[in-house]
Amino acid sequence: MTDDPHAQFKGVKPVEERHKLDEAALTAWLEANVEGFRGPLSVNQFKGGQSNPTYQLVTPAKKYVLRKKPAGKLLPSAHAVDREFRVMSALYPTGFPVARQYALCSDDSVIGAMFYVMDMVEGRVLWDGRLPEVSTQDRRALYENKIATLAQLHTTDYEKIGLSDYGKAGNYFARQIDRWSKQYKLSETENIDEMNRLIEWLPKTIPTGERTSIVHGDYRLDNLIIHETQPRVIAVLDWELSTLGDPLGDFTYYLMSWVMPSDGRAGLGGLDLKPLGIPTLEEVVALYCEKTGRAGILALDWYFAYNAFRLACILQGIAGRVRDGTAASAHATQMIQRIRPLAAAAFHFGQKAGLA
């Protein structure tokens, strides 16, 4: 047994029978398309990843990562691995911390679905927002680096790196609320009154002053690879939800950690942060504003309501896939138990922001 509550999500395991790949066909494709690839090849599956099955490719010289679309019935616009490949390929030459991309395969006949291959970045993936593995001094440095990394993404000139058509400019929150509300309804497994009321209230109350940048869509602690010894981000993972949009969607999603209860995951709510060396919510907002040229951020409670609502919709999508038999993880059922608490949290922040 392990004392690590996140061990079930960490590292690799043998490939599950239902996720087995045609290794001969894959090897032939890698030899033809991945610069410097030399077999023999062995394949493991990463334990995490609710959405797109993710594999570790091991060769005598180096390791790679393969991400593919899952098999089966999929929601519209979900699992766009080609978009992940495109945004990381555009960001890598700018010096932003992402893995080097090698090739995208859109030919389903190779391993049954679209996939791409990238470098495997070796480092630490941390889950607990308290960062018990990190020294007090390094905690603050790491939190500040995570904010600086996100600010770097939001100040990258997306037109200059060829991503002007990566999403629509403007009306980001209106489109997101519409998208997630529709996905929620498509995947609905029970009637939750708070969600129904948020679906009605959120689009009518969107704050003004929208900007457009690349947004990651799921910027959180366990989607970052941290340097083995230094307090800095060396790779941002899991770009499935990335698009062009309002950077405050990303930043306030990351800020949710400061208001969600501390439960061994990213939440910091209720902790005395100063002795831990972790910056306060106000300090984080000030640092982000300084790095992105803002005077401040109004209506944080609205953004918190929106983020908790969106997360509940994403988890409801997983619940729908469990129902339809296409969820990629045995842990998906644990995620479903978080839908009602998230709906309640979203409603609570909505009330603070004026939801009657």
Protein backbone atom coordinates (compact mmCIF):
# COMPACT_ATOMS: atom_id res chain seq x y z
CA MET A 1 0.00 0.00 0.00
CA THR A 2 1.05 3.61 -0.48
CA ASP A 3 0.52 6.68 1.69
CA ASP A 4 0.22 8.84 -1.43
CA PRO A 5 -3.50 9.52 -2.06
CA HIS A 6 -2.74 10.45 -5.68
CA ALA A 7 -0.66 7.35 -6.50
CA GLN A 8 -3.54 5.95 -8.55
CA PHE A 9 -3.19 8.89 -10.97
CA LYS A 10 0.62 9.05 -11.09
CA GLY A 11 3.11 7.31 -13.33
CA VAL A 12 2.49 4.51 -15.80
CA LYS A 13 0.94 1.05 -15.89
CA PRO A 14 0.75 -1.72 -18.49
CA VAL A 15 -1.65 -0.79 -21.30
CA GLU A 16 -5.23 -1.79 -20.52
CA GLU A 17 -6.66 -4.38 -22.93
CA ARG A 18 -9.26 -1.93 -24.29
CA HIS A 19 -6.54 0.67 -24.99
CA LYS A 20 -4.04 -1.68 -26.69
CA LEU A 21 -2.30 -0.30 -29.80
CA ASP A 22 -1.02 -2.02 -32.93
CA GLU A 23 2.64 -1.66 -31.98
CA ALA A 24 3.97 -2.86 -35.34
CA ALA A 25 1.92 -0.28 -37.26
CA LEU A 26 2.84 2.41 -34.73
CA THR A 27 6.57 1.58 -34.95
CA ALA A 28 6.49 1.84 -38.75
CA TRP A 29 4.72 5.23 -38.53
CA LEU A 30 7.19 6.52 -35.90
CA GLU A 31 10.18 5.48 -38.04
CA ALA A 32 8.69 7.39 -40.98
CA ASN A 33 7.50 10.51 -39.13
CA VAL A 34 9.44 11.14 -35.90
CA GLU A 35 12.88 12.62 -36.42
CA GLY A 36 15.58 10.51 -34.75
CA PHE A 37 13.22 7.69 -33.72
CA ARG A 38 14.93 4.31 -33.25
CA GLY A 39 13.26 1.16 -31.89
CA PRO A 40 12.72 -1.29 -30.37
CA LEU A 41 9.57 0.22 -28.86
CA SER A 42 7.75 -0.64 -25.64
CA VAL A 43 4.48 1.04 -24.65
CA ASN A 44 3.02 1.92 -21.22
CA GLN A 45 -0.16 3.79 -20.37
CA PHE A 46 -0.24 6.82 -18.06
CA LYS A 47 -2.57 6.30 -15.10
CA GLY A 48 -4.19 9.76 -15.20
CA GLY A 49 -6.00 11.34 -18.15
CA GLN A 50 -9.78 11.12 -17.93
CA SER A 51 -10.25 12.20 -21.47
CA ASN A 52 -7.62 11.36 -24.08
CA PRO A 53 -5.79 8.04 -23.52
CA THR A 54 -2.10 8.90 -23.05
CA TYR A 55 0.83 6.53 -23.57
CA GLN A 56 4.53 6.48 -22.75
CA LEU A 57 6.66 5.27 -25.65
CA VAL A 58 10.01 3.90 -24.47
CA THR A 59 12.99 3.33 -26.78
CA PRO A 60 16.62 2.61 -25.86
CA ALA A 61 17.58 6.24 -26.53
CA LYS A 62 14.63 8.24 -25.17
CA LYS A 63 10.99 8.40 -24.11
CA TYR A 64 8.08 9.99 -25.93
CA VAL A 65 4.44 10.66 -25.10
CA LEU A 66 1.53 9.74 -27.39
CA ARG A 67 -1.95 11.25 -26.94
CA LYS A 68 -4.85 9.85 -28.93
CA LYS A 69 -8.56 10.34 -29.29
CA PRO A 70 -10.61 7.76 -27.38
CA ALA A 71 -12.70 5.23 -29.25
CA GLY A 72 -16.50 5.24 -29.25
CA LYS A 73 -19.26 7.84 -29.25
CA LEU A 74 -17.83 11.33 -28.57
CA LEU A 75 -19.40 14.71 -27.84
CA PRO A 76 -19.09 17.34 -30.59
CA SER A 77 -15.77 19.29 -30.50
CA ALA A 78 -14.37 17.11 -27.68
CA HIS A 79 -10.99 15.33 -27.74
CA ALA A 80 -9.43 17.61 -30.39
CA VAL A 81 -5.89 16.26 -30.16
CA ASP A 82 -5.00 18.08 -33.39
CA ARG A 83 -5.67 21.38 -31.61
CA GLU A 84 -3.42 20.37 -28.69
CA PHE A 85 -0.66 19.53 -31.18
CA ARG A 86 -1.12 22.82 -33.04
CA VAL A 87 -1.00 25.14 -30.01
CA MET A 88 2.03 23.44 -28.47
CA SER A 89 3.85 23.43 -31.82
CA ALA A 90 3.23 27.19 -32.10
CA LEU A 91 4.29 27.95 -28.51
CA TYR A 92 7.42 25.77 -28.33
CA PRO A 93 9.65 28.04 -30.51
CA THR A 94 8.71 31.10 -28.37
CA GLY A 95 10.38 29.57 -25.30
CA PHE A 96 7.08 29.00 -23.49
CA PRO A 97 7.40 25.79 -21.40
CA VAL A 98 5.72 23.07 -23.46
CA ALA A 99 6.96 19.71 -24.70
CA ARG A 100 8.52 19.57 -28.17
CA GLN A 101 6.02 18.21 -30.70
CA TYR A 102 7.15 15.71 -33.35
CA ALA A 103 4.22 14.70 -35.52
CA LEU A 104 0.42 14.44 -35.77
CA CYS A 105 -1.26 11.43 -37.38
CA SER A 106 -4.78 12.00 -38.71
CA ASP A 107 -4.91 8.59 -40.40
CA ASP A 108 -7.20 6.45 -38.23
CA SER A 109 -5.92 3.25 -39.87
CA VAL A 110 -2.57 3.37 -38.00
CA ILE A 111 -3.81 2.83 -34.40
CA GLY A 112 -7.56 3.39 -34.76
CA ALA A 113 -7.77 7.12 -33.97
CA MET A 114 -5.98 10.44 -34.50
CA PHE A 115 -2.89 10.89 -32.29
CA TYR A 116 0.26 12.96 -31.86
CA VAL A 117 3.73 12.31 -30.46
CA MET A 118 5.83 14.68 -28.33
CA ASP A 119 8.87 14.63 -26.06
CA MET A 120 8.41 13.22 -22.59
CA VAL A 121 9.48 15.99 -20.19
CA GLU A 122 10.95 14.50 -17.00
CA GLY A 123 10.15 16.38 -13.79
CA ARG A 124 7.76 16.51 -10.86
CA VAL A 125 3.95 16.52 -11.05
CA LEU A 126 2.56 17.86 -7.76
CA TRP A 127 -1.05 17.50 -6.59
CA ASP A 128 -1.30 19.02 -3.15
CA GLY A 129 -1.57 22.83 -3.18
CA ARG A 130 0.25 22.99 0.17
CA LEU A 131 3.33 21.65 -1.67
CA PRO A 132 4.57 19.50 1.23
CA GLU A 133 7.44 18.26 -0.99
CA VAL A 134 8.79 21.80 -1.46
CA SER A 135 10.74 24.02 1.00
CA THR A 136 8.94 27.09 2.44
CA GLN A 137 11.25 29.39 0.51
CA ASP A 138 10.70 27.51 -2.76
CA ARG A 139 6.91 27.42 -2.28
CA ARG A 140 6.53 31.13 -2.82
CA ALA A 141 9.00 31.07 -5.72
CA LEU A 142 7.09 28.21 -7.36
CA TYR A 143 3.69 29.88 -6.93
CA GLU A 144 5.12 33.11 -8.36
CA ASN A 145 6.62 31.18 -11.28
CA LYS A 146 3.27 29.49 -12.00
CA ILE A 147 1.60 32.91 -12.17
CA ALA A 148 4.43 34.33 -14.32
CA THR A 149 4.08 31.33 -16.69
CA LEU A 150 0.34 31.93 -17.07
CA ALA A 151 0.93 35.67 -17.60
CA GLN A 152 3.53 34.77 -20.27
CA LEU A 153 0.90 32.71 -22.10
CA HIS A 154 -1.65 35.53 -21.87
CA THR A 155 0.80 38.13 -23.21
CA THR A 156 2.05 35.96 -26.12
CA ASP A 157 1.13 37.54 -29.47
CA TYR A 158 -1.10 34.77 -30.82
CA GLU A 159 -1.33 36.37 -34.30
CA LYS A 160 2.44 36.52 -34.62
CA ILE A 161 2.79 32.75 -33.93
CA GLY A 162 0.09 31.78 -36.44
CA LEU A 163 -2.86 31.23 -34.09
CA SER A 164 -5.14 34.09 -35.19
CA ASP A 165 -7.78 31.51 -36.23
CA TYR A 166 -7.32 29.22 -33.18
CA GLY A 167 -10.59 30.49 -31.72
CA LYS A 168 -13.01 33.37 -32.06
CA ALA A 169 -12.12 36.76 -30.60
CA GLY A 170 -14.76 38.31 -28.32
CA ASN A 171 -17.82 37.01 -26.45
CA TYR A 172 -15.70 34.29 -24.86
CA PHE A 173 -17.74 33.86 -21.69
CA ALA A 174 -21.05 33.96 -23.57
CA ARG A 175 -19.82 31.22 -25.91
CA GLN A 176 -18.30 29.15 -23.11
CA ILE A 177 -21.47 29.31 -20.99
CA ASP A 178 -23.52 28.29 -24.02
CA ARG A 179 -21.12 25.45 -24.89
CA TRP A 180 -20.93 24.02 -21.38
CA SER A 181 -24.65 24.42 -20.75
CA LYS A 182 -25.36 22.40 -23.90
CA GLN A 183 -22.81 19.72 -22.94
CA TYR A 184 -24.32 19.61 -19.46
CA LYS A 185 -27.80 19.04 -20.85
CA LEU A 186 -26.56 16.39 -23.32
CA SER A 187 -24.84 14.53 -20.48
CA GLU A 188 -27.37 15.18 -17.69
CA THR A 189 -27.91 12.20 -15.38
CA GLU A 190 -29.95 13.97 -12.66
CA ASN A 191 -31.79 17.28 -12.27
CA ILE A 192 -29.80 19.83 -10.19
CA ASP A 193 -31.76 23.01 -9.50
CA GLU A 194 -28.64 25.17 -8.86
CA MET A 195 -27.26 24.26 -12.30
CA ASN A 196 -30.56 25.16 -14.00
CA ARG A 197 -30.55 28.57 -12.32
CA LEU A 198 -26.90 29.24 -13.15
CA ILE A 199 -27.52 28.34 -16.81
CA GLU A 200 -30.11 31.13 -16.84
CA TRP A 201 -28.22 33.71 -14.71
CA LEU A 202 -24.60 33.52 -15.92
CA PRO A 203 -25.09 34.70 -19.53
CA LYS A 204 -27.05 37.77 -18.37
CA THR A 205 -24.38 39.00 -15.95
CA ILE A 206 -21.01 38.69 -17.77
CA PRO A 207 -18.53 41.41 -16.60
CA THR A 208 -17.38 43.95 -19.20
CA GLY A 209 -13.84 44.67 -20.35
CA GLU A 210 -12.99 41.48 -22.18
CA ARG A 211 -9.52 40.91 -23.65
CA THR A 212 -8.43 38.13 -26.00
CA SER A 213 -5.38 35.87 -25.65
CA ILE A 214 -4.48 32.20 -25.88
CA VAL A 215 -6.17 30.49 -22.93
CA HIS A 216 -5.13 27.06 -21.68
CA GLY A 217 -8.55 26.13 -20.29
CA ASP A 218 -7.34 23.86 -17.46
CA TYR A 219 -4.34 25.61 -15.89
CA ARG A 220 -3.89 23.92 -12.53
CA LEU A 221 -1.16 22.38 -10.40
CA ASP A 222 -1.27 18.79 -11.70
CA ASN A 223 -1.21 19.91 -15.35
CA LEU A 224 2.27 21.37 -14.79
CA ILE A 225 5.61 19.59 -14.81
CA ILE A 226 7.93 21.18 -12.26
CA HIS A 227 11.73 21.04 -12.50
CA GLU A 228 13.18 18.21 -10.37
CA THR A 229 15.09 20.56 -8.04
CA GLN A 230 14.16 24.15 -8.98
CA PRO A 231 10.89 25.98 -8.23
CA ARG A 232 9.84 26.52 -11.84
CA VAL A 233 7.48 25.15 -14.46
CA ILE A 234 9.23 23.27 -17.28
CA ALA A 235 6.14 22.06 -19.18
CA VAL A 236 2.44 22.89 -19.25
CA LEU A 237 0.38 19.79 -20.14
CA ASP A 238 -3.15 18.99 -21.33
CA TRP A 239 -4.13 21.67 -23.86
CA GLU A 240 -7.38 19.94 -24.84
CA LEU A 241 -9.55 22.91 -23.77
CA SER A 242 -7.25 25.63 -25.12
CA THR A 243 -8.59 28.30 -27.48
CA LEU A 244 -8.55 32.06 -27.96
CA GLY A 245 -10.54 33.68 -25.21
CA ASP A 246 -10.60 35.98 -22.22
CA PRO A 247 -7.44 35.39 -20.15
CA LEU A 248 -9.45 36.07 -16.98
CA GLY A 249 -11.22 32.76 -17.62
CA ASP A 250 -7.86 31.02 -17.18
CA PHE A 251 -6.55 33.16 -14.35
CA THR A 252 -9.71 33.04 -12.21
CA TYR A 253 -9.91 29.26 -12.74
CA TYR A 254 -6.39 29.03 -11.31
CA LEU A 255 -7.45 31.37 -8.46
CA MET A 256 -10.21 28.93 -7.48
CA SER A 257 -7.55 27.04 -5.47
CA TRP A 258 -7.56 29.90 -2.94
CA VAL A 259 -11.33 29.64 -2.30
CA MET A 260 -11.89 25.87 -2.55
CA PRO A 261 -11.33 23.94 0.69
CA SER A 262 -7.98 22.30 1.34
CA ASP A 263 -8.56 18.58 0.77
CA GLY A 264 -5.15 17.27 -0.29
CA ARG A 265 -5.67 18.49 -3.83
CA ALA A 266 -5.03 22.03 -5.13
CA GLY A 267 -7.44 23.75 -2.68
CA LEU A 268 -5.96 26.20 -0.16
CA GLY A 269 -9.18 27.52 1.42
CA GLY A 270 -9.06 27.71 5.23
CA LEU A 271 -5.27 27.40 5.48
CA ASP A 272 -2.98 29.93 7.15
CA LEU A 273 -0.86 30.65 4.07
CA LYS A 274 1.84 32.89 5.54
CA PRO A 275 3.73 30.21 7.53
CA LEU A 276 3.51 27.94 4.47
CA GLY A 277 5.18 30.59 2.31
CA ILE A 278 2.23 30.62 -0.10
CA PRO A 279 1.07 33.99 -1.47
CA THR A 280 -2.44 35.16 -0.53
CA LEU A 281 -5.22 35.55 -3.08
CA GLU A 282 -4.69 39.33 -3.03
CA GLU A 283 -0.94 38.93 -3.65
CA VAL A 284 -1.57 36.54 -6.54
CA VAL A 285 -4.06 38.95 -8.16
CA ALA A 286 -1.59 41.85 -7.75
CA LEU A 287 1.28 39.85 -9.28
CA TYR A 288 -0.81 38.71 -12.26
CA CYS A 289 -2.09 42.25 -12.86
CA GLU A 290 1.45 43.63 -12.72
CA LYS A 291 2.67 41.09 -15.30
CA THR A 292 -0.29 41.59 -17.67
CA GLY A 293 -0.74 45.36 -17.37
CA ARG A 294 -4.04 45.48 -15.46
CA ALA A 295 -5.16 47.90 -12.76
CA GLY A 296 -7.10 45.14 -10.97
CA ILE A 297 -9.87 42.58 -11.44
CA LEU A 298 -13.50 43.34 -10.59
CA ALA A 299 -16.32 40.83 -9.96
CA LEU A 300 -14.16 37.92 -8.75
CA ASP A 301 -17.23 36.20 -7.28
CA TRP A 302 -18.87 36.10 -10.73
CA TYR A 303 -15.75 34.47 -12.18
CA PHE A 304 -15.67 31.96 -9.32
CA ALA A 305 -19.34 31.10 -9.96
CA TYR A 306 -18.59 30.66 -13.67
CA ASN A 307 -15.52 28.45 -13.03
CA ALA A 308 -17.26 26.15 -10.54
CA PHE A 309 -20.22 25.89 -12.95
CA ARG A 310 -17.93 25.07 -15.88
CA LEU A 311 -16.13 22.42 -13.86
CA ALA A 312 -19.46 20.84 -12.87
CA CYS A 313 -20.40 20.75 -16.58
CA ILE A 314 -17.07 19.10 -17.50
CA LEU A 315 -17.56 16.44 -14.79
CA GLN A 316 -21.13 15.95 -15.97
CA GLY A 317 -19.67 15.24 -19.41
CA ILE A 318 -17.55 12.50 -17.80
CA ALA A 319 -20.71 11.17 -16.09
CA GLY A 320 -22.39 11.04 -19.49
CA ARG A 321 -19.45 9.10 -20.91
CA VAL A 322 -19.60 6.64 -18.01
CA ARG A 323 -23.29 6.17 -18.85
CA ASP A 324 -22.41 5.67 -22.54
CA GLY A 325 -19.43 3.41 -21.79
CA THR A 326 -16.71 5.65 -23.33
CA ALA A 327 -14.94 7.16 -20.26
CA ALA A 328 -11.19 6.44 -20.38
CA SER A 329 -10.62 6.06 -16.64
CA ALA A 330 -11.83 3.83 -13.86
CA HIS A 331 -11.56 6.88 -11.58
CA ALA A 332 -14.24 8.73 -13.56
CA THR A 333 -16.91 7.61 -11.08
CA GLN A 334 -15.04 9.42 -8.28
CA MET A 335 -15.19 12.60 -10.36
CA ILE A 336 -18.96 12.33 -10.68
CA GLN A 337 -19.35 12.61 -6.89
CA ARG A 338 -17.93 16.14 -7.13
CA ILE A 339 -20.70 17.49 -9.41
CA ARG A 340 -23.23 18.41 -6.71
CA PRO A 341 -20.67 20.09 -4.38
CA LEU A 342 -19.38 22.12 -7.35
CA ALA A 343 -22.93 23.13 -8.31
CA ALA A 344 -23.49 24.27 -4.72
CA ALA A 345 -20.19 26.22 -4.71
CA ALA A 346 -21.04 27.88 -8.04
CA PHE A 347 -24.45 28.87 -6.70
CA HIS A 348 -22.88 30.24 -3.49
CA PHE A 349 -20.48 32.48 -5.46
CA GLY A 350 -23.34 33.45 -7.77
CA GLN A 351 -25.34 34.62 -4.74
CA LYS A 352 -22.32 36.68 -3.58
CA ALA A 353 -22.25 38.22 -7.07
CA GLY A 354 -25.96 39.08 -7.01
CA LEU A 355 -27.81 35.90 -8.03
CA ALA A 356 -31.16 36.13 -6.28
